[in-house]
Amino acid sequence: MNFVGIDVSKDKFDTHIRPADDSRTFSYDEAGLSKLAELMQQVPPQVIVIEATGGYERRLVAVLFTLNLPVAVINPERVRHFAKATGYIAKTDSLDAAVLSLFVQTLQPQPRPLPDAFSEELRDLLARRRQILK
């Protein structure tokens, strides 16, 4: 069984696959997404974990769902607590991807279905409302 952690940022995303201990970095564009799709076909994952990053993850998650891959989007605070508990204190993109793959291998969160358009819009509106209230 392969467990994949993906750390997403604006311009790139880092992946880590367990148990192979395979780390890679991809550009966050069509070419990078295509390369990731090829990799996921070669190494079919049990579950892919991605942190919710305020929107950067959405495009990537949508692509993975269209490939019928099992994806779980996780609260970053939950992953941070896990990282501290397992002794990972440093914070780099490649290390975050490794922590995510360890998180998914250890806790095996359930993949979730892709939210519908209405749910996405409602979540965005609520997030904006919270920002305005602050």
Protein backbone atom coordinates (compact mmCIF):
# COMPACT_ATOMS: atom_id res chain seq x y z
CA MET A 1 0.00 0.00 0.00
CA ASN A 2 1.25 3.45 -0.92
CA PHE A 3 0.49 6.53 1.14
CA VAL A 4 0.99 9.97 -0.40
CA GLY A 5 1.40 13.35 1.28
CA ILE A 6 1.26 16.50 -0.84
CA ASP A 7 2.30 19.93 0.43
CA VAL A 8 0.78 22.65 -1.78
CA SER A 9 1.92 26.22 -2.26
CA LYS A 10 1.14 28.88 -4.84
CA ASP A 11 3.76 27.93 -7.46
CA LYS A 12 4.65 24.31 -6.67
CA PHE A 13 3.73 21.23 -4.71
CA ASP A 14 5.90 18.65 -3.01
CA THR A 15 4.98 14.98 -2.78
CA HIS A 16 6.21 12.19 -0.56
CA ILE A 17 5.27 8.52 -1.04
CA ARG A 18 5.55 5.92 1.69
CA PRO A 19 6.84 3.29 2.11
CA ALA A 20 9.11 3.95 -0.90
CA ASP A 21 10.40 7.20 0.68
CA ASP A 22 10.06 8.91 -2.71
CA SER A 23 10.05 12.74 -2.61
CA ARG A 24 9.42 14.95 -5.64
CA THR A 25 8.64 18.57 -6.43
CA PHE A 26 6.30 19.63 -9.23
CA SER A 27 5.45 23.03 -10.67
CA TYR A 28 1.84 23.98 -10.00
CA ASP A 29 0.83 24.21 -13.63
CA GLU A 30 -0.55 21.90 -16.31
CA ALA A 31 2.81 20.20 -16.86
CA GLY A 32 3.29 19.53 -13.14
CA LEU A 33 -0.26 18.23 -12.74
CA SER A 34 0.24 15.90 -15.72
CA LYS A 35 3.47 14.55 -14.23
CA LEU A 36 1.71 13.95 -10.92
CA ALA A 37 -1.10 12.11 -12.70
CA GLU A 38 1.47 9.84 -14.39
CA LEU A 39 3.18 9.18 -11.06
CA MET A 40 -0.12 8.30 -9.35
CA GLN A 41 -0.89 5.80 -12.11
CA GLN A 42 2.52 4.15 -11.60
CA VAL A 43 2.23 4.11 -7.81
CA PRO A 44 -1.48 3.76 -7.02
CA PRO A 45 -2.08 5.34 -3.59
CA GLN A 46 -4.18 3.93 -0.78
CA VAL A 47 -4.93 7.52 0.30
CA ILE A 48 -3.53 10.94 -0.66
CA VAL A 49 -3.47 13.60 2.08
CA ILE A 50 -3.36 17.32 1.34
CA GLU A 51 -3.53 20.14 3.89
CA ALA A 52 -6.25 22.74 3.44
CA THR A 53 -4.23 25.81 2.47
CA GLY A 54 -6.89 28.45 2.03
CA GLY A 55 -7.64 27.62 -1.58
CA TYR A 56 -4.33 26.68 -3.20
CA GLU A 57 -5.22 23.01 -2.86
CA ARG A 58 -8.56 23.17 -4.71
CA ARG A 59 -7.29 22.81 -8.25
CA LEU A 60 -5.01 19.94 -7.30
CA VAL A 61 -7.79 18.17 -5.38
CA ALA A 62 -10.16 18.56 -8.34
CA VAL A 63 -7.58 17.02 -10.70
CA LEU A 64 -7.00 14.09 -8.33
CA PHE A 65 -10.76 13.52 -8.00
CA THR A 66 -11.17 13.47 -11.79
CA LEU A 67 -8.58 10.66 -11.81
CA ASN A 68 -10.72 8.78 -9.24
CA LEU A 69 -7.95 8.90 -6.65
CA PRO A 70 -8.71 8.72 -2.91
CA VAL A 71 -8.07 12.18 -1.45
CA ALA A 72 -8.44 13.47 2.10
CA VAL A 73 -8.07 17.20 2.73
CA ILE A 74 -6.88 17.67 6.31
CA ASN A 75 -6.91 20.62 8.71
CA PRO A 76 -3.31 21.92 8.89
CA GLU A 77 -3.54 22.32 12.67
CA ARG A 78 -4.22 18.60 13.04
CA VAL A 79 -1.13 17.80 10.97
CA ARG A 80 0.99 20.30 12.92
CA HIS A 81 0.04 18.62 16.21
CA PHE A 82 0.90 15.24 14.69
CA ALA A 83 4.27 16.57 13.49
CA LYS A 84 5.14 17.91 16.94
CA ALA A 85 4.08 14.65 18.57
CA THR A 86 6.34 12.66 16.24
CA GLY A 87 9.34 15.00 16.66
CA TYR A 88 9.19 16.91 13.36
CA ILE A 89 9.88 20.49 14.33
CA ALA A 90 11.60 21.87 11.22
CA LYS A 91 9.29 23.27 8.56
CA THR A 92 10.15 22.96 4.87
CA ASP A 93 7.88 22.01 1.98
CA SER A 94 9.57 18.65 1.38
CA LEU A 95 9.56 17.84 5.10
CA ASP A 96 5.88 18.83 5.32
CA ALA A 97 5.09 16.39 2.49
CA ALA A 98 6.97 13.66 4.37
CA VAL A 99 5.04 14.42 7.56
CA LEU A 100 1.79 14.29 5.60
CA SER A 101 2.68 10.86 4.18
CA LEU A 102 3.53 9.63 7.69
CA PHE A 103 0.25 11.10 8.94
CA VAL A 104 -1.76 9.25 6.29
CA GLN A 105 0.16 6.00 6.80
CA THR A 106 -0.31 6.14 10.57
CA LEU A 107 -3.86 7.46 10.91
CA GLN A 108 -5.31 6.44 7.53
CA PRO A 109 -7.98 9.15 7.28
CA GLN A 110 -10.95 8.39 5.07
CA PRO A 111 -11.04 9.99 1.63
CA ARG A 112 -13.88 12.43 1.17
CA PRO A 113 -16.05 13.11 -1.86
CA LEU A 114 -15.57 16.30 -3.84
CA PRO A 115 -17.84 19.05 -2.46
CA ASP A 116 -20.46 20.38 -4.84
CA ALA A 117 -20.27 23.91 -6.24
CA PHE A 118 -22.81 25.28 -3.77
CA SER A 119 -20.87 23.93 -0.78
CA GLU A 120 -17.64 25.43 -2.14
CA GLU A 121 -19.27 28.83 -2.60
CA LEU A 122 -20.86 28.73 0.85
CA ARG A 123 -17.53 27.84 2.47
CA ASP A 124 -15.85 30.75 0.65
CA LEU A 125 -18.57 33.17 1.75
CA LEU A 126 -18.33 32.04 5.36
CA ALA A 127 -14.55 32.38 5.29
CA ARG A 128 -14.88 35.90 3.91
CA ARG A 129 -17.48 36.77 6.56
CA ARG A 130 -15.08 35.62 9.30
CA GLN A 131 -12.34 37.81 7.81
CA ILE A 132 -14.61 40.86 7.75
CA LEU A 133 -15.76 40.30 11.33
CA LYS A 134 -12.15 40.17 12.50
